[in-house]
Structure formats: structure tokens, C-alpha cells
Amino acid sequence: MRDWQSQAHVKHYCKYHVVFVPKYRGKSIYGTLRKEIGGILRELCRQQGVELIEGYAMRDHIHMLLMISPKYSVANTIGFL
């Protein structure tokens, strides 16, 4: 069963699979940079009020599963991150 979130006038279950890819898919996400990116993204999600459910940093891209409230625009949230 789904774990519905609720606000004053709405119940929602809005999960988004987001993939960040560097220009030309450069393999620039390694070692310590990989850990730093994870910490930075977690902090930005906390500031924006977005729940980071899962996140994986590969060598040339980053996968994230985000739960974004309907009161925030998905495009603005991704732009903030």
C-alpha cells in the first residue's frame, strides 16, 4: 500500500526519477567528489523541503528518486538542485 502524504487540502504520492548528466557524459564523478555531491544534494533537498528517497552516483551520471510536494514546481525544484 502506498504511503500517501497529506497537506491541508490534498493527499499526494508524487515521486520523480531524476537523472543528472554532465556535459558530454564526462566521467568526472569519482571517489571523494562522489561523496561530496551526495552530501550537497542531501542538504539542498532538505533546504527545499524535498524528500530524497534514493540516490546513486555513477561514474557519468546521478540517479535520484525524489518526493516533491505538489505545492512546488518540479522544474523549479530541479533548477534549484
PDB file of N, CA and C in Angstrom:
ATOM      1  N   MET A   1       0.834  -1.175   0.000  1.00  0.00           N
ATOM      2  CA  MET A   1       0.000   0.000   0.000  1.00  0.00           C
ATOM      3  C   MET A   1       0.881   1.241   0.000  1.00  0.00           C
ATOM      4  N   ARG A   2       0.444   2.256  -0.682  1.00  0.00           N
ATOM      5  CA  ARG A   2       1.213   3.485  -0.802  1.00  0.00           C
ATOM      6  C   ARG A   2       1.164   4.293   0.484  1.00  0.00           C
ATOM      7  N   ASP A   3       2.251   4.992   0.732  1.00  0.00           N
ATOM      8  CA  ASP A   3       2.357   5.866   1.890  1.00  0.00           C
ATOM      9  C   ASP A   3       2.016   7.286   1.435  1.00  0.00           C
ATOM     10  N   TRP A   4       0.743   7.643   1.466  1.00  0.00           N
ATOM     11  CA  TRP A   4       0.276   8.931   0.985  1.00  0.00           C
ATOM     12  C   TRP A   4       0.729  10.041   1.920  1.00  0.00           C
ATOM     13  N   GLN A   5       1.124  11.159   1.346  1.00  0.00           N
ATOM     14  CA  GLN A   5       1.449  12.366   2.090  1.00  0.00           C
ATOM     15  C   GLN A   5       0.202  13.249   2.079  1.00  0.00           C
ATOM     16  N   SER A   6       0.021  14.070   3.085  1.00  0.00           N
ATOM     17  CA  SER A   6      -1.163  14.923   3.079  1.00  0.00           C
ATOM     18  C   SER A   6      -0.796  16.340   3.501  1.00  0.00           C
ATOM     19  N   GLN A   7      -1.552  17.278   2.945  1.00  0.00           N
ATOM     20  CA  GLN A   7      -1.466  18.676   3.306  1.00  0.00           C
ATOM     21  C   GLN A   7      -2.884  19.121   3.614  1.00  0.00           C
ATOM     22  N   ALA A   8      -3.120  20.411   3.734  1.00  0.00           N
ATOM     23  CA  ALA A   8      -4.423  20.919   4.149  1.00  0.00           C
ATOM     24  C   ALA A   8      -5.566  20.438   3.254  1.00  0.00           C
ATOM     25  N   HIS A   9      -5.392  20.519   1.932  1.00  0.00           N
ATOM     26  CA  HIS A   9      -6.496  20.200   1.030  1.00  0.00           C
ATOM     27  C   HIS A   9      -6.161  19.126  -0.001  1.00  0.00           C
ATOM     28  N   VAL A  10      -5.096  18.394   0.197  1.00  0.00           N
ATOM     29  CA  VAL A  10      -4.698  17.433  -0.828  1.00  0.00           C
ATOM     30  C   VAL A  10      -3.943  16.265  -0.197  1.00  0.00           C
ATOM     31  N   LYS A  11      -4.128  15.094  -0.765  1.00  0.00           N
ATOM     32  CA  LYS A  11      -3.301  13.935  -0.456  1.00  0.00           C
ATOM     33  C   LYS A  11      -2.529  13.627  -1.721  1.00  0.00           C
ATOM     34  N   HIS A  12      -1.240  13.351  -1.578  1.00  0.00           N
ATOM     35  CA  HIS A  12      -0.437  13.144  -2.784  1.00  0.00           C
ATOM     36  C   HIS A  12       0.582  12.036  -2.588  1.00  0.00           C
ATOM     37  N   TYR A  13       1.026  11.523  -3.707  1.00  0.00           N
ATOM     38  CA  TYR A  13       2.069  10.499  -3.776  1.00  0.00           C
ATOM     39  C   TYR A  13       2.860  10.805  -5.040  1.00  0.00           C
ATOM     40  N   CYS A  14       3.663  11.855  -4.990  1.00  0.00           N
ATOM     41  CA  CYS A  14       4.372  12.373  -6.163  1.00  0.00           C
ATOM     42  C   CYS A  14       5.852  12.036  -6.067  1.00  0.00           C
ATOM     43  N   LYS A  15       6.248  10.968  -6.745  1.00  0.00           N
ATOM     44  CA  LYS A  15       7.656  10.577  -6.782  1.00  0.00           C
ATOM     45  C   LYS A  15       8.174  10.807  -8.195  1.00  0.00           C
ATOM     46  N   TYR A  16       9.397  11.301  -8.282  1.00  0.00           N
ATOM     47  CA  TYR A  16      10.007  11.605  -9.571  1.00  0.00           C
ATOM     48  C   TYR A  16      11.392  10.984  -9.638  1.00  0.00           C
ATOM     49  N   HIS A  17      11.683  10.310 -10.761  1.00  0.00           N
ATOM     50  CA  HIS A  17      13.001   9.758 -11.013  1.00  0.00           C
ATOM     51  C   HIS A  17      13.760  10.791 -11.831  1.00  0.00           C
ATOM     52  N   VAL A  18      14.851  11.310 -11.260  1.00  0.00           N
ATOM     53  CA  VAL A  18      15.618  12.390 -11.881  1.00  0.00           C
ATOM     54  C   VAL A  18      17.019  11.867 -12.170  1.00  0.00           C
ATOM     55  N   VAL A  19      17.535  12.187 -13.362  1.00  0.00           N
ATOM     56  CA  VAL A  19      18.890  11.810 -13.729  1.00  0.00           C
ATOM     57  C   VAL A  19      19.648  13.070 -14.126  1.00  0.00           C
ATOM     58  N   PHE A  20      20.746  13.355 -13.419  1.00  0.00           N
ATOM     59  CA  PHE A  20      21.632  14.459 -13.761  1.00  0.00           C
ATOM     60  C   PHE A  20      22.801  13.895 -14.561  1.00  0.00           C
ATOM     61  N   VAL A  21      23.065  14.501 -15.729  1.00  0.00           N
ATOM     62  CA  VAL A  21      24.139  14.042 -16.594  1.00  0.00           C
ATOM     63  C   VAL A  21      25.052  15.221 -16.901  1.00  0.00           C
ATOM     64  N   PRO A  22      26.384  15.087 -16.642  1.00  0.00           N
ATOM     65  CA  PRO A  22      27.285  16.182 -17.008  1.00  0.00           C
ATOM     66  C   PRO A  22      27.423  16.294 -18.528  1.00  0.00           C
ATOM     67  N   LYS A  23      27.863  17.437 -18.972  1.00  0.00           N
ATOM     68  CA  LYS A  23      28.009  17.691 -20.401  1.00  0.00           C
ATOM     69  C   LYS A  23      28.926  16.649 -21.032  1.00  0.00           C
ATOM     70  N   TYR A  24      28.528  16.133 -22.152  1.00  0.00           N
ATOM     71  CA  TYR A  24      29.248  15.096 -22.914  1.00  0.00           C
ATOM     72  C   TYR A  24      29.432  13.803 -22.122  1.00  0.00           C
ATOM     73  N   ARG A  25      28.609  13.631 -21.089  1.00  0.00           N
ATOM     74  CA  ARG A  25      28.693  12.452 -20.208  1.00  0.00           C
ATOM     75  C   ARG A  25      30.127  12.188 -19.762  1.00  0.00           C
ATOM     76  N   GLY A  26      30.818  13.264 -19.426  1.00  0.00           N
ATOM     77  CA  GLY A  26      32.191  13.147 -18.929  1.00  0.00           C
ATOM     78  C   GLY A  26      32.233  12.347 -17.645  1.00  0.00           C
ATOM     79  N   LYS A  27      33.160  11.423 -17.575  1.00  0.00           N
ATOM     80  CA  LYS A  27      33.261  10.554 -16.401  1.00  0.00           C
ATOM     81  C   LYS A  27      34.018  11.286 -15.293  1.00  0.00           C
ATOM     82  N   SER A  28      33.351  12.269 -14.712  1.00  0.00           N
ATOM     83  CA  SER A  28      34.007  13.147 -13.739  1.00  0.00           C
ATOM     84  C   SER A  28      33.541  12.915 -12.311  1.00  0.00           C
ATOM     85  N   ILE A  29      32.676  11.947 -12.070  1.00  0.00           N
ATOM     86  CA  ILE A  29      32.144  11.705 -10.720  1.00  0.00           C
ATOM     87  C   ILE A  29      32.883  10.496 -10.137  1.00  0.00           C
ATOM     88  N   TYR A  30      33.939  10.755  -9.381  1.00  0.00           N
ATOM     89  CA  TYR A  30      34.772   9.707  -8.805  1.00  0.00           C
ATOM     90  C   TYR A  30      34.963   9.941  -7.320  1.00  0.00           C
ATOM     91  N   GLY A  31      35.369   8.928  -6.612  1.00  0.00           N
ATOM     92  CA  GLY A  31      35.819   8.937  -5.223  1.00  0.00           C
ATOM     93  C   GLY A  31      35.244   9.987  -4.302  1.00  0.00           C
ATOM     94  N   THR A  32      36.087  10.925  -3.861  1.00  0.00           N
ATOM     95  CA  THR A  32      35.662  11.912  -2.880  1.00  0.00           C
ATOM     96  C   THR A  32      34.636  12.872  -3.461  1.00  0.00           C
ATOM     97  N   LEU A  33      34.757  13.180  -4.758  1.00  0.00           N
ATOM     98  CA  LEU A  33      33.772  14.047  -5.404  1.00  0.00           C
ATOM     99  C   LEU A  33      32.394  13.411  -5.338  1.00  0.00           C
ATOM    100  N   ARG A  34      32.338  12.096  -5.476  1.00  0.00           N
ATOM    101  CA  ARG A  34      31.072  11.359  -5.413  1.00  0.00           C
ATOM    102  C   ARG A  34      30.417  11.530  -4.041  1.00  0.00           C
ATOM    103  N   LYS A  35      31.206  11.428  -2.974  1.00  0.00           N
ATOM    104  CA  LYS A  35      30.663  11.583  -1.617  1.00  0.00           C
ATOM    105  C   LYS A  35      30.247  13.020  -1.351  1.00  0.00           C
ATOM    106  N   GLU A  36      31.031  13.979  -1.839  1.00  0.00           N
ATOM    107  CA  GLU A  36      30.695  15.384  -1.644  1.00  0.00           C
ATOM    108  C   GLU A  36      29.404  15.750  -2.359  1.00  0.00           C
ATOM    109  N   ILE A  37      29.220  15.241  -3.563  1.00  0.00           N
ATOM    110  CA  ILE A  37      27.991  15.508  -4.319  1.00  0.00           C
ATOM    111  C   ILE A  37      26.784  14.982  -3.563  1.00  0.00           C
ATOM    112  N   GLY A  38      26.901  13.789  -2.987  1.00  0.00           N
ATOM    113  CA  GLY A  38      25.804  13.214  -2.213  1.00  0.00           C
ATOM    114  C   GLY A  38      25.415  14.090  -1.038  1.00  0.00           C
ATOM    115  N   GLY A  39      26.399  14.573  -0.301  1.00  0.00           N
ATOM    116  CA  GLY A  39      26.127  15.442   0.840  1.00  0.00           C
ATOM    117  C   GLY A  39      25.504  16.758   0.427  1.00  0.00           C
ATOM    118  N   ILE A  40      26.003  17.323  -0.660  1.00  0.00           N
ATOM    119  CA  ILE A  40      25.474  18.596  -1.153  1.00  0.00           C
ATOM    120  C   ILE A  40      24.021  18.433  -1.590  1.00  0.00           C
ATOM    121  N   LEU A  41      23.718  17.376  -2.337  1.00  0.00           N
ATOM    122  CA  LEU A  41      22.348  17.160  -2.811  1.00  0.00           C
ATOM    123  C   LEU A  41      21.389  16.891  -1.651  1.00  0.00           C
ATOM    124  N   ARG A  42      21.848  16.136  -0.635  1.00  0.00           N
ATOM    125  CA  ARG A  42      21.000  15.900   0.544  1.00  0.00           C
ATOM    126  C   ARG A  42      20.675  17.216   1.255  1.00  0.00           C
ATOM    127  N   GLU A  43      21.680  18.080   1.399  1.00  0.00           N
ATOM    128  CA  GLU A  43      21.470  19.359   2.068  1.00  0.00           C
ATOM    129  C   GLU A  43      20.529  20.256   1.264  1.00  0.00           C
ATOM    130  N   LEU A  44      20.689  20.301  -0.053  1.00  0.00           N
ATOM    131  CA  LEU A  44      19.803  21.112  -0.889  1.00  0.00           C
ATOM    132  C   LEU A  44      18.363  20.600  -0.836  1.00  0.00           C
ATOM    133  N   CYS A  45      18.191  19.285  -0.831  1.00  0.00           N
ATOM    134  CA  CYS A  45      16.845  18.716  -0.715  1.00  0.00           C
ATOM    135  C   CYS A  45      16.217  19.089   0.623  1.00  0.00           C
ATOM    136  N   ARG A  46      17.009  19.060   1.677  1.00  0.00           N
ATOM    137  CA  ARG A  46      16.499  19.431   2.992  1.00  0.00           C
ATOM    138  C   ARG A  46      16.072  20.898   3.010  1.00  0.00           C
ATOM    139  N   GLN A  47      16.873  21.768   2.400  1.00  0.00           N
ATOM    140  CA  GLN A  47      16.539  23.191   2.352  1.00  0.00           C
ATOM    141  C   GLN A  47      15.257  23.447   1.570  1.00  0.00           C
ATOM    142  N   GLN A  48      15.051  22.700   0.501  1.00  0.00           N
ATOM    143  CA  GLN A  48      13.896  22.905  -0.375  1.00  0.00           C
ATOM    144  C   GLN A  48      12.641  22.208   0.152  1.00  0.00           C
ATOM    145  N   GLY A  49      12.786  21.302   1.111  1.00  0.00           N
ATOM    146  CA  GLY A  49      11.630  20.580   1.638  1.00  0.00           C
ATOM    147  C   GLY A  49      11.249  19.391   0.772  1.00  0.00           C
ATOM    148  N   VAL A  50      12.238  18.835   0.081  1.00  0.00           N
ATOM    149  CA  VAL A  50      12.036  17.689  -0.808  1.00  0.00           C
ATOM    150  C   VAL A  50      12.617  16.463  -0.123  1.00  0.00           C
ATOM    151  N   GLU A  51      11.906  15.343  -0.202  1.00  0.00           N
ATOM    152  CA  GLU A  51      12.402  14.114   0.398  1.00  0.00           C
ATOM    153  C   GLU A  51      13.217  13.344  -0.632  1.00  0.00           C
ATOM    154  N   LEU A  52      14.480  13.099  -0.313  1.00  0.00           N
ATOM    155  CA  LEU A  52      15.356  12.293  -1.169  1.00  0.00           C
ATOM    156  C   LEU A  52      15.203  10.845  -0.730  1.00  0.00           C
ATOM    157  N   ILE A  53      14.503  10.054  -1.526  1.00  0.00           N
ATOM    158  CA  ILE A  53      14.224   8.665  -1.157  1.00  0.00           C
ATOM    159  C   ILE A  53      15.425   7.776  -1.455  1.00  0.00           C
ATOM    160  N   GLU A  54      15.945   7.870  -2.675  1.00  0.00           N
ATOM    161  CA  GLU A  54      17.123   7.106  -3.072  1.00  0.00           C
ATOM    162  C   GLU A  54      18.008   7.971  -3.935  1.00  0.00           C
ATOM    163  N   GLY A  55      19.290   7.677  -3.927  1.00  0.00           N
ATOM    164  CA  GLY A  55      20.217   8.373  -4.786  1.00  0.00           C
ATOM    165  C   GLY A  55      21.427   7.510  -5.062  1.00  0.00           C
ATOM    166  N   TYR A  56      21.842   7.460  -6.327  1.00  0.00           N
ATOM    167  CA  TYR A  56      23.004   6.679  -6.728  1.00  0.00           C
ATOM    168  C   TYR A  56      23.874   7.536  -7.630  1.00  0.00           C
ATOM    169  N   ALA A  57      25.168   7.600  -7.322  1.00  0.00           N
ATOM    170  CA  ALA A  57      26.108   8.334  -8.159  1.00  0.00           C
ATOM    171  C   ALA A  57      26.911   7.322  -8.963  1.00  0.00           C
ATOM    172  N   MET A  58      26.754   7.360 -10.265  1.00  0.00           N
ATOM    173  CA  MET A  58      27.530   6.516 -11.167  1.00  0.00           C
ATOM    174  C   MET A  58      28.727   7.330 -11.659  1.00  0.00           C
ATOM    175  N   ARG A  59      29.543   6.747 -12.524  1.00  0.00           N
ATOM    176  CA  ARG A  59      30.721   7.467 -12.999  1.00  0.00           C
ATOM    177  C   ARG A  59      30.365   8.645 -13.881  1.00  0.00           C
ATOM    178  N   ASP A  60      29.259   8.546 -14.632  1.00  0.00           N
ATOM    179  CA  ASP A  60      28.954   9.615 -15.571  1.00  0.00           C
ATOM    180  C   ASP A  60      27.548  10.190 -15.416  1.00  0.00           C
ATOM    181  N   HIS A  61      26.833   9.838 -14.352  1.00  0.00           N
ATOM    182  CA  HIS A  61      25.518  10.418 -14.106  1.00  0.00           C
ATOM    183  C   HIS A  61      25.076  10.125 -12.670  1.00  0.00           C
ATOM    184  N   ILE A  62      24.007  10.800 -12.251  1.00  0.00           N
ATOM    185  CA  ILE A  62      23.465  10.636 -10.895  1.00  0.00           C
ATOM    186  C   ILE A  62      21.972  10.353 -11.005  1.00  0.00           C
ATOM    187  N   HIS A  63      21.521   9.276 -10.364  1.00  0.00           N
ATOM    188  CA  HIS A  63      20.104   8.927 -10.293  1.00  0.00           C
ATOM    189  C   HIS A  63      19.575   9.351  -8.930  1.00  0.00           C
ATOM    190  N   MET A  64      18.386   9.958  -8.911  1.00  0.00           N
ATOM    191  CA  MET A  64      17.746  10.314  -7.652  1.00  0.00           C
ATOM    192  C   MET A  64      16.253  10.036  -7.750  1.00  0.00           C
ATOM    193  N   LEU A  65      15.686   9.541  -6.666  1.00  0.00           N
ATOM    194  CA  LEU A  65      14.249   9.380  -6.554  1.00  0.00           C
ATOM    195  C   LEU A  65      13.787  10.389  -5.512  1.00  0.00           C
ATOM    196  N   LEU A  66      12.999  11.366  -5.961  1.00  0.00           N
ATOM    197  CA  LEU A  66      12.583  12.476  -5.110  1.00  0.00           C
ATOM    198  C   LEU A  66      11.085  12.460  -4.896  1.00  0.00           C
ATOM    199  N   MET A  67      10.643  12.833  -3.699  1.00  0.00           N
ATOM    200  CA  MET A  67       9.233  13.050  -3.448  1.00  0.00           C
ATOM    201  C   MET A  67       9.048  14.557  -3.285  1.00  0.00           C
ATOM    202  N   ILE A  68       8.396  15.156  -4.281  1.00  0.00           N
ATOM    203  CA  ILE A  68       8.208  16.603  -4.317  1.00  0.00           C
ATOM    204  C   ILE A  68       6.743  16.907  -4.066  1.00  0.00           C
ATOM    205  N   SER A  69       6.487  17.787  -3.138  1.00  0.00           N
ATOM    206  CA  SER A  69       5.125  18.195  -2.815  1.00  0.00           C
ATOM    207  C   SER A  69       4.499  18.916  -4.009  1.00  0.00           C
ATOM    208  N   PRO A  70       3.180  18.765  -4.231  1.00  0.00           N
ATOM    209  CA  PRO A  70       2.535  19.435  -5.362  1.00  0.00           C
ATOM    210  C   PRO A  70       2.537  20.960  -5.261  1.00  0.00           C
ATOM    211  N   LYS A  71       2.819  21.504  -4.090  1.00  0.00           N
ATOM    212  CA  LYS A  71       2.848  22.960  -3.991  1.00  0.00           C
ATOM    213  C   LYS A  71       4.120  23.546  -4.600  1.00  0.00           C
ATOM    214  N   TYR A  72       5.122  22.707  -4.897  1.00  0.00           N
ATOM    215  CA  TYR A  72       6.352  23.151  -5.544  1.00  0.00           C
ATOM    216  C   TYR A  72       6.381  22.676  -6.990  1.00  0.00           C
ATOM    217  N   SER A  73       6.864  23.527  -7.872  1.00  0.00           N
ATOM    218  CA  SER A  73       7.035  23.156  -9.267  1.00  0.00           C
ATOM    219  C   SER A  73       8.217  22.197  -9.392  1.00  0.00           C
ATOM    220  N   VAL A  74       8.042  21.149 -10.178  1.00  0.00           N
ATOM    221  CA  VAL A  74       9.126  20.195 -10.392  1.00  0.00           C
ATOM    222  C   VAL A  74      10.304  20.877 -11.085  1.00  0.00           C
ATOM    223  N   ALA A  75      10.015  21.707 -12.085  1.00  0.00           N
ATOM    224  CA  ALA A  75      11.067  22.395 -12.825  1.00  0.00           C
ATOM    225  C   ALA A  75      11.863  23.341 -11.920  1.00  0.00           C
ATOM    226  N   ASN A  76      11.199  24.081 -11.049  1.00  0.00           N
ATOM    227  CA  ASN A  76      11.913  24.981 -10.138  1.00  0.00           C
ATOM    228  C   ASN A  76      12.745  24.202  -9.123  1.00  0.00           C
ATOM    229  N   THR A  77      12.231  23.076  -8.658  1.00  0.00           N
ATOM    230  CA  THR A  77      12.961  22.256  -7.701  1.00  0.00           C
ATOM    231  C   THR A  77      14.230  21.711  -8.325  1.00  0.00           C
ATOM    232  N   ILE A  78      14.135  21.176  -9.534  1.00  0.00           N
ATOM    233  CA  ILE A  78      15.310  20.627 -10.219  1.00  0.00           C
ATOM    234  C   ILE A  78      16.286  21.755 -10.540  1.00  0.00           C
ATOM    235  N   GLY A  79      15.785  22.902 -10.915  1.00  0.00           N
ATOM    236  CA  GLY A  79      16.655  24.047 -11.162  1.00  0.00           C
ATOM    237  C   GLY A  79      17.399  24.480  -9.919  1.00  0.00           C
ATOM    238  N   PHE A  80      16.759  24.395  -8.771  1.00  0.00           N
ATOM    239  CA  PHE A  80      17.401  24.736  -7.503  1.00  0.00           C
ATOM    240  C   PHE A  80      18.517  23.751  -7.172  1.00  0.00           C
ATOM    241  N   LEU A  81      18.271  22.463  -7.436  1.00  0.00           N
ATOM    242  CA  LEU A  81      19.282  21.447  -7.144  1.00  0.00           C
ATOM    243  C   LEU A  81      20.453  21.577  -8.087  1.00  0.00           C
TER     244      LEU A  81
END
